[in-house]
């Protein structure tokens, strides 16, 4: 007695393995049917079975559309049936997405964060005047504070002005300015006092929460 065994290593690869080999065989059989009426009838039945195998996708928008697209993918786009949705093409599925542009701050001075770049762009959109000048120096002081959070020591104003010049694409130039930014010790003192206040506040909350508890 001989057995006609079918080994997985000898089987064709499944296009969408999640549905199993039996669904793939049904799709292949549907493609091979002679009349379009038979193919339409069987395609509807296959889509219903696919939906039962993926019940967690029923809340996904265009659930049926997704199933029909997968049906055509498993048929290698050789299935000739009347689909209720636009039939996808092989070229559309193989088309590579466009590359995403990296933010400007990703490669320069990351310690300032993305918000600084947004503030600089806003300043560049304003007309020249006292209001814009005040905003520019506010940005520079905030940059100095961010730098100290990263470096935790000290920084010369010339360094901040140079970085602001670079981040603004050479449109904001304070490198020859005689104005001075806030002193590093004041910015560090303000940062430390904020941290201490936050710690004291948490301590008070913890103390008040434990005050009413009974000890056993």
C-alpha atoms as a PDB file:
ATOM      1  CA  UNK A   1       0.000   0.000   0.000  1.00  0.00           C
ATOM      2  CA  UNK A   2       1.348   3.428  -0.965  1.00  0.00           C
ATOM      3  CA  UNK A   3       0.318   6.800   0.377  1.00  0.00           C
ATOM      4  CA  UNK A   4       0.310   9.976  -1.675  1.00  0.00           C
ATOM      5  CA  UNK A   5       1.668  12.328   0.981  1.00  0.00           C
ATOM      6  CA  UNK A   6       1.870  16.055   0.455  1.00  0.00           C
ATOM      7  CA  UNK A   7       4.753  17.694   2.268  1.00  0.00           C
ATOM      8  CA  UNK A   8       4.772  21.397   3.147  1.00  0.00           C
ATOM      9  CA  UNK A   9       8.207  21.778   1.590  1.00  0.00           C
ATOM     10  CA  UNK A  10       6.739  20.675  -1.748  1.00  0.00           C
ATOM     11  CA  UNK A  11       3.662  22.903  -1.591  1.00  0.00           C
ATOM     12  CA  UNK A  12       3.442  26.299  -3.233  1.00  0.00           C
ATOM     13  CA  UNK A  13       3.841  29.281  -0.970  1.00  0.00           C
ATOM     14  CA  UNK A  14       0.613  30.847   0.258  1.00  0.00           C
ATOM     15  CA  UNK A  15       0.183  34.476  -0.733  1.00  0.00           C
ATOM     16  CA  UNK A  16      -1.687  35.439   2.463  1.00  0.00           C
ATOM     17  CA  UNK A  17      -0.929  32.685   5.012  1.00  0.00           C
ATOM     18  CA  UNK A  18      -3.427  34.064   7.563  1.00  0.00           C
ATOM     19  CA  UNK A  19      -6.325  32.513   5.662  1.00  0.00           C
ATOM     20  CA  UNK A  20      -4.777  29.080   5.373  1.00  0.00           C
ATOM     21  CA  UNK A  21      -4.205  26.758   2.429  1.00  0.00           C
ATOM     22  CA  UNK A  22      -7.833  25.732   2.001  1.00  0.00           C
ATOM     23  CA  UNK A  23      -8.890  29.307   1.210  1.00  0.00           C
ATOM     24  CA  UNK A  24      -6.028  29.597  -1.247  1.00  0.00           C
ATOM     25  CA  UNK A  25      -7.204  26.410  -2.969  1.00  0.00           C
ATOM     26  CA  UNK A  26     -10.751  27.787  -3.145  1.00  0.00           C
ATOM     27  CA  UNK A  27      -9.440  30.953  -4.766  1.00  0.00           C
ATOM     28  CA  UNK A  28      -7.439  28.933  -7.288  1.00  0.00           C
ATOM     29  CA  UNK A  29     -10.532  26.864  -8.068  1.00  0.00           C
ATOM     30  CA  UNK A  30     -12.594  30.034  -8.488  1.00  0.00           C
ATOM     31  CA  UNK A  31     -10.097  31.409 -10.994  1.00  0.00           C
ATOM     32  CA  UNK A  32     -10.316  28.169 -12.997  1.00  0.00           C
ATOM     33  CA  UNK A  33     -14.141  28.184 -13.296  1.00  0.00           C
ATOM     34  CA  UNK A  34     -15.332  28.582 -16.865  1.00  0.00           C
ATOM     35  CA  UNK A  35     -18.285  30.947 -16.576  1.00  0.00           C
ATOM     36  CA  UNK A  36     -18.292  34.354 -14.953  1.00  0.00           C
ATOM     37  CA  UNK A  37     -21.588  33.606 -13.247  1.00  0.00           C
ATOM     38  CA  UNK A  38     -20.009  30.668 -11.413  1.00  0.00           C
ATOM     39  CA  UNK A  39     -16.967  32.747 -10.493  1.00  0.00           C
ATOM     40  CA  UNK A  40     -19.124  35.575  -9.125  1.00  0.00           C
ATOM     41  CA  UNK A  41     -21.132  33.175  -6.985  1.00  0.00           C
ATOM     42  CA  UNK A  42     -18.067  31.444  -5.597  1.00  0.00           C
ATOM     43  CA  UNK A  43     -16.197  34.709  -5.019  1.00  0.00           C
ATOM     44  CA  UNK A  44     -19.045  35.975  -2.811  1.00  0.00           C
ATOM     45  CA  UNK A  45     -18.943  32.734  -0.817  1.00  0.00           C
ATOM     46  CA  UNK A  46     -15.166  32.950  -0.382  1.00  0.00           C
ATOM     47  CA  UNK A  47     -15.387  36.548   0.862  1.00  0.00           C
ATOM     48  CA  UNK A  48     -17.999  35.514   3.441  1.00  0.00           C
ATOM     49  CA  UNK A  49     -15.752  32.717   4.702  1.00  0.00           C
ATOM     50  CA  UNK A  50     -12.771  35.106   4.848  1.00  0.00           C
ATOM     51  CA  UNK A  51     -14.871  37.477   6.941  1.00  0.00           C
ATOM     52  CA  UNK A  52     -15.705  34.690   9.384  1.00  0.00           C
ATOM     53  CA  UNK A  53     -12.006  33.868   9.722  1.00  0.00           C
ATOM     54  CA  UNK A  54     -11.163  37.495  10.568  1.00  0.00           C
ATOM     55  CA  UNK A  55     -13.977  38.601  12.919  1.00  0.00           C
ATOM     56  CA  UNK A  56     -11.754  41.164  14.672  1.00  0.00           C
ATOM     57  CA  UNK A  57     -11.602  43.203  11.451  1.00  0.00           C
ATOM     58  CA  UNK A  58     -15.342  43.760  11.215  1.00  0.00           C
ATOM     59  CA  UNK A  59     -15.088  47.038  13.091  1.00  0.00           C
ATOM     60  CA  UNK A  60     -12.468  48.304  10.650  1.00  0.00           C
ATOM     61  CA  UNK A  61     -13.808  50.816   8.086  1.00  0.00           C
ATOM     62  CA  UNK A  62     -14.256  49.344   4.600  1.00  0.00           C
ATOM     63  CA  UNK A  63     -13.982  45.814   5.995  1.00  0.00           C
ATOM     64  CA  UNK A  64     -15.590  44.252   2.906  1.00  0.00           C
ATOM     65  CA  UNK A  65     -13.402  46.322   0.620  1.00  0.00           C
ATOM     66  CA  UNK A  66     -10.327  44.950   2.373  1.00  0.00           C
ATOM     67  CA  UNK A  67     -11.549  41.360   1.922  1.00  0.00           C
ATOM     68  CA  UNK A  68     -12.169  41.836  -1.798  1.00  0.00           C
ATOM     69  CA  UNK A  69      -8.713  43.359  -2.233  1.00  0.00           C
ATOM     70  CA  UNK A  70      -7.167  40.364  -0.482  1.00  0.00           C
ATOM     71  CA  UNK A  71      -9.180  38.016  -2.692  1.00  0.00           C
ATOM     72  CA  UNK A  72      -7.685  39.560  -5.827  1.00  0.00           C
ATOM     73  CA  UNK A  73      -4.216  39.495  -4.271  1.00  0.00           C
ATOM     74  CA  UNK A  74      -4.507  35.764  -3.547  1.00  0.00           C
ATOM     75  CA  UNK A  75      -5.622  35.182  -7.136  1.00  0.00           C
ATOM     76  CA  UNK A  76      -2.511  37.031  -8.362  1.00  0.00           C
ATOM     77  CA  UNK A  77      -4.939  39.469 -10.020  1.00  0.00           C
ATOM     78  CA  UNK A  78      -6.125  36.753 -12.421  1.00  0.00           C
ATOM     79  CA  UNK A  79      -9.682  36.541 -11.036  1.00  0.00           C
ATOM     80  CA  UNK A  80     -12.281  37.854 -13.477  1.00  0.00           C
ATOM     81  CA  UNK A  81     -15.377  38.669 -11.391  1.00  0.00           C
ATOM     82  CA  UNK A  82     -17.749  41.575 -10.830  1.00  0.00           C
ATOM     83  CA  UNK A  83     -16.385  43.251  -7.720  1.00  0.00           C
ATOM     84  CA  UNK A  84     -18.474  45.783  -5.779  1.00  0.00           C
ATOM     85  CA  UNK A  85     -15.280  47.808  -5.291  1.00  0.00           C
ATOM     86  CA  UNK A  86     -12.554  49.107  -7.632  1.00  0.00           C
ATOM     87  CA  UNK A  87     -10.191  46.277  -8.466  1.00  0.00           C
ATOM     88  CA  UNK A  88      -6.638  47.007  -7.269  1.00  0.00           C
ATOM     89  CA  UNK A  89      -3.720  46.664  -9.610  1.00  0.00           C
ATOM     90  CA  UNK A  90      -0.444  44.911  -8.960  1.00  0.00           C
ATOM     91  CA  UNK A  91       1.458  48.102  -9.741  1.00  0.00           C
ATOM     92  CA  UNK A  92      -0.436  50.062  -7.066  1.00  0.00           C
ATOM     93  CA  UNK A  93       0.381  47.522  -4.358  1.00  0.00           C
ATOM     94  CA  UNK A  94       4.058  47.344  -5.315  1.00  0.00           C
ATOM     95  CA  UNK A  95       4.465  51.125  -5.497  1.00  0.00           C
ATOM     96  CA  UNK A  96       6.865  52.371  -2.833  1.00  0.00           C
ATOM     97  CA  UNK A  97       5.691  55.164  -0.524  1.00  0.00           C
ATOM     98  CA  UNK A  98       7.376  58.545  -0.677  1.00  0.00           C
ATOM     99  CA  UNK A  99      10.175  59.127   1.778  1.00  0.00           C
ATOM    100  CA  UNK A 100       9.509  61.206   4.880  1.00  0.00           C
ATOM    101  CA  UNK A 101      11.522  64.348   5.357  1.00  0.00           C
ATOM    102  CA  UNK A 102      13.421  64.643   8.615  1.00  0.00           C
ATOM    103  CA  UNK A 103      12.695  67.699  10.793  1.00  0.00           C
ATOM    104  CA  UNK A 104      15.230  70.486  10.663  1.00  0.00           C
ATOM    105  CA  UNK A 105      16.250  70.000  14.269  1.00  0.00           C
ATOM    106  CA  UNK A 106      16.976  66.304  13.826  1.00  0.00           C
ATOM    107  CA  UNK A 107      20.555  66.848  12.649  1.00  0.00           C
ATOM    108  CA  UNK A 108      21.465  70.116  14.434  1.00  0.00           C
ATOM    109  CA  UNK A 109      21.222  71.102  18.074  1.00  0.00           C
ATOM    110  CA  UNK A 110      18.699  68.499  19.210  1.00  0.00           C
ATOM    111  CA  UNK A 111      18.788  69.769  22.770  1.00  0.00           C
ATOM    112  CA  UNK A 112      16.722  72.819  21.753  1.00  0.00           C
ATOM    113  CA  UNK A 113      13.770  70.688  20.692  1.00  0.00           C
ATOM    114  CA  UNK A 114      11.294  71.142  17.842  1.00  0.00           C
ATOM    115  CA  UNK A 115       9.361  73.960  19.517  1.00  0.00           C
ATOM    116  CA  UNK A 116      12.318  76.318  19.196  1.00  0.00           C
ATOM    117  CA  UNK A 117      12.307  75.845  15.430  1.00  0.00           C
ATOM    118  CA  UNK A 118       8.575  76.600  15.372  1.00  0.00           C
ATOM    119  CA  UNK A 119       9.128  79.782  17.396  1.00  0.00           C
ATOM    120  CA  UNK A 120      11.908  80.876  15.045  1.00  0.00           C
ATOM    121  CA  UNK A 121       9.674  80.333  12.020  1.00  0.00           C
ATOM    122  CA  UNK A 122       6.976  82.468  13.664  1.00  0.00           C
ATOM    123  CA  UNK A 123       9.481  85.229  14.374  1.00  0.00           C
ATOM    124  CA  UNK A 124      10.647  85.209  10.759  1.00  0.00           C
ATOM    125  CA  UNK A 125       7.055  85.693   9.603  1.00  0.00           C
ATOM    126  CA  UNK A 126       6.645  88.909  11.629  1.00  0.00           C
ATOM    127  CA  UNK A 127       7.459  92.372  10.366  1.00  0.00           C
ATOM    128  CA  UNK A 128      10.560  94.092  11.727  1.00  0.00           C
ATOM    129  CA  UNK A 129       9.938  96.139  14.845  1.00  0.00           C
ATOM    130  CA  UNK A 130      10.045  96.152  18.626  1.00  0.00           C
ATOM    131  CA  UNK A 131       7.593  93.257  18.879  1.00  0.00           C
ATOM    132  CA  UNK A 132       9.702  91.006  16.667  1.00  0.00           C
ATOM    133  CA  UNK A 133      12.897  92.039  18.445  1.00  0.00           C
ATOM    134  CA  UNK A 134      11.378  91.173  21.821  1.00  0.00           C
ATOM    135  CA  UNK A 135      10.315  87.768  20.523  1.00  0.00           C
ATOM    136  CA  UNK A 136      13.776  87.084  19.111  1.00  0.00           C
ATOM    137  CA  UNK A 137      15.454  87.781  22.460  1.00  0.00           C
ATOM    138  CA  UNK A 138      12.824  85.699  24.255  1.00  0.00           C
ATOM    139  CA  UNK A 139      13.690  82.829  21.912  1.00  0.00           C
ATOM    140  CA  UNK A 140      17.403  83.349  22.528  1.00  0.00           C
ATOM    141  CA  UNK A 141      16.903  83.271  26.317  1.00  0.00           C
ATOM    142  CA  UNK A 142      14.832  80.113  26.030  1.00  0.00           C
ATOM    143  CA  UNK A 143      17.550  78.545  23.879  1.00  0.00           C
ATOM    144  CA  UNK A 144      20.085  79.399  26.562  1.00  0.00           C
ATOM    145  CA  UNK A 145      17.905  77.758  29.193  1.00  0.00           C
ATOM    146  CA  UNK A 146      17.533  74.627  27.025  1.00  0.00           C
ATOM    147  CA  UNK A 147      21.289  74.561  26.488  1.00  0.00           C
ATOM    148  CA  UNK A 148      21.889  74.714  30.237  1.00  0.00           C
ATOM    149  CA  UNK A 149      19.425  71.878  30.793  1.00  0.00           C
ATOM    150  CA  UNK A 150      21.578  69.823  28.440  1.00  0.00           C
ATOM    151  CA  UNK A 151      25.041  71.073  29.430  1.00  0.00           C
ATOM    152  CA  UNK A 152      24.251  71.913  33.113  1.00  0.00           C
ATOM    153  CA  UNK A 153      27.226  74.292  33.358  1.00  0.00           C
ATOM    154  CA  UNK A 154      27.463  77.596  31.551  1.00  0.00           C
ATOM    155  CA  UNK A 155      27.348  78.937  28.009  1.00  0.00           C
ATOM    156  CA  UNK A 156      28.524  82.103  26.318  1.00  0.00           C
ATOM    157  CA  UNK A 157      25.858  84.250  24.657  1.00  0.00           C
ATOM    158  CA  UNK A 158      27.918  84.176  21.451  1.00  0.00           C
ATOM    159  CA  UNK A 159      27.271  80.420  21.200  1.00  0.00           C
ATOM    160  CA  UNK A 160      23.500  80.928  21.502  1.00  0.00           C
ATOM    161  CA  UNK A 161      23.555  83.723  18.913  1.00  0.00           C
ATOM    162  CA  UNK A 162      25.539  81.489  16.535  1.00  0.00           C
ATOM    163  CA  UNK A 163      23.042  78.628  16.947  1.00  0.00           C
ATOM    164  CA  UNK A 164      20.109  81.012  16.426  1.00  0.00           C
ATOM    165  CA  UNK A 165      21.809  82.262  13.266  1.00  0.00           C
ATOM    166  CA  UNK A 166      22.116  78.700  11.975  1.00  0.00           C
ATOM    167  CA  UNK A 167      18.586  77.603  12.908  1.00  0.00           C
ATOM    168  CA  UNK A 168      17.075  80.665  11.229  1.00  0.00           C
ATOM    169  CA  UNK A 169      18.940  79.936   7.976  1.00  0.00           C
ATOM    170  CA  UNK A 170      21.103  83.032   8.558  1.00  0.00           C
ATOM    171  CA  UNK A 171      18.073  85.345   8.727  1.00  0.00           C
ATOM    172  CA  UNK A 172      18.320  86.270  12.418  1.00  0.00           C
ATOM    173  CA  UNK A 173      21.782  87.624  13.190  1.00  0.00           C
ATOM    174  CA  UNK A 174      22.515  88.721  16.756  1.00  0.00           C
ATOM    175  CA  UNK A 175      26.196  87.844  16.616  1.00  0.00           C
ATOM    176  CA  UNK A 176      27.257  91.504  16.757  1.00  0.00           C
ATOM    177  CA  UNK A 177      24.639  92.506  19.300  1.00  0.00           C
ATOM    178  CA  UNK A 178      25.644  94.265  22.511  1.00  0.00           C
ATOM    179  CA  UNK A 179      22.527  93.020  24.303  1.00  0.00           C
ATOM    180  CA  UNK A 180      23.118  90.389  26.937  1.00  0.00           C
ATOM    181  CA  UNK A 181      20.923  87.418  27.691  1.00  0.00           C
ATOM    182  CA  UNK A 182      19.911  86.312  31.169  1.00  0.00           C
ATOM    183  CA  UNK A 183      22.846  85.128  33.253  1.00  0.00           C
ATOM    184  CA  UNK A 184      23.413  81.400  33.430  1.00  0.00           C
ATOM    185  CA  UNK A 185      23.292  81.352  37.231  1.00  0.00           C
ATOM    186  CA  UNK A 186      19.862  82.984  37.220  1.00  0.00           C
ATOM    187  CA  UNK A 187      18.509  80.474  34.719  1.00  0.00           C
ATOM    188  CA  UNK A 188      20.008  77.605  36.704  1.00  0.00           C
ATOM    189  CA  UNK A 189      18.648  79.041  39.970  1.00  0.00           C
ATOM    190  CA  UNK A 190      15.184  79.382  38.445  1.00  0.00           C
ATOM    191  CA  UNK A 191      15.315  75.815  37.181  1.00  0.00           C
ATOM    192  CA  UNK A 192      16.430  74.464  40.554  1.00  0.00           C
ATOM    193  CA  UNK A 193      13.796  76.443  42.443  1.00  0.00           C
ATOM    194  CA  UNK A 194      11.092  75.083  40.156  1.00  0.00           C
ATOM    195  CA  UNK A 195      12.320  71.559  40.814  1.00  0.00           C
ATOM    196  CA  UNK A 196      12.392  72.134  44.568  1.00  0.00           C
ATOM    197  CA  UNK A 197       8.875  73.612  44.564  1.00  0.00           C
ATOM    198  CA  UNK A 198       7.629  70.624  42.638  1.00  0.00           C
ATOM    199  CA  UNK A 199       9.300  68.274  45.145  1.00  0.00           C
ATOM    200  CA  UNK A 200       7.818  70.151  48.118  1.00  0.00           C
ATOM    201  CA  UNK A 201       4.377  70.051  46.536  1.00  0.00           C
ATOM    202  CA  UNK A 202       4.605  66.298  46.091  1.00  0.00           C
ATOM    203  CA  UNK A 203       5.809  65.941  49.696  1.00  0.00           C
ATOM    204  CA  UNK A 204       2.842  67.957  51.008  1.00  0.00           C
ATOM    205  CA  UNK A 205       0.410  65.868  48.993  1.00  0.00           C
ATOM    206  CA  UNK A 206       1.974  62.673  50.308  1.00  0.00           C
ATOM    207  CA  UNK A 207       1.859  63.985  53.874  1.00  0.00           C
ATOM    208  CA  UNK A 208      -1.788  65.024  53.574  1.00  0.00           C
ATOM    209  CA  UNK A 209      -2.720  61.659  52.103  1.00  0.00           C
ATOM    210  CA  UNK A 210      -1.025  59.794  54.948  1.00  0.00           C
ATOM    211  CA  UNK A 211      -2.361  62.108  57.671  1.00  0.00           C
ATOM    212  CA  UNK A 212      -5.798  60.540  57.845  1.00  0.00           C
ATOM    213  CA  UNK A 213      -4.577  56.968  57.769  1.00  0.00           C
ATOM    214  CA  UNK A 214      -4.666  54.866  60.921  1.00  0.00           C
ATOM    215  CA  UNK A 215      -1.633  52.984  62.062  1.00  0.00           C
ATOM    216  CA  UNK A 216      -2.051  49.410  63.179  1.00  0.00           C
END
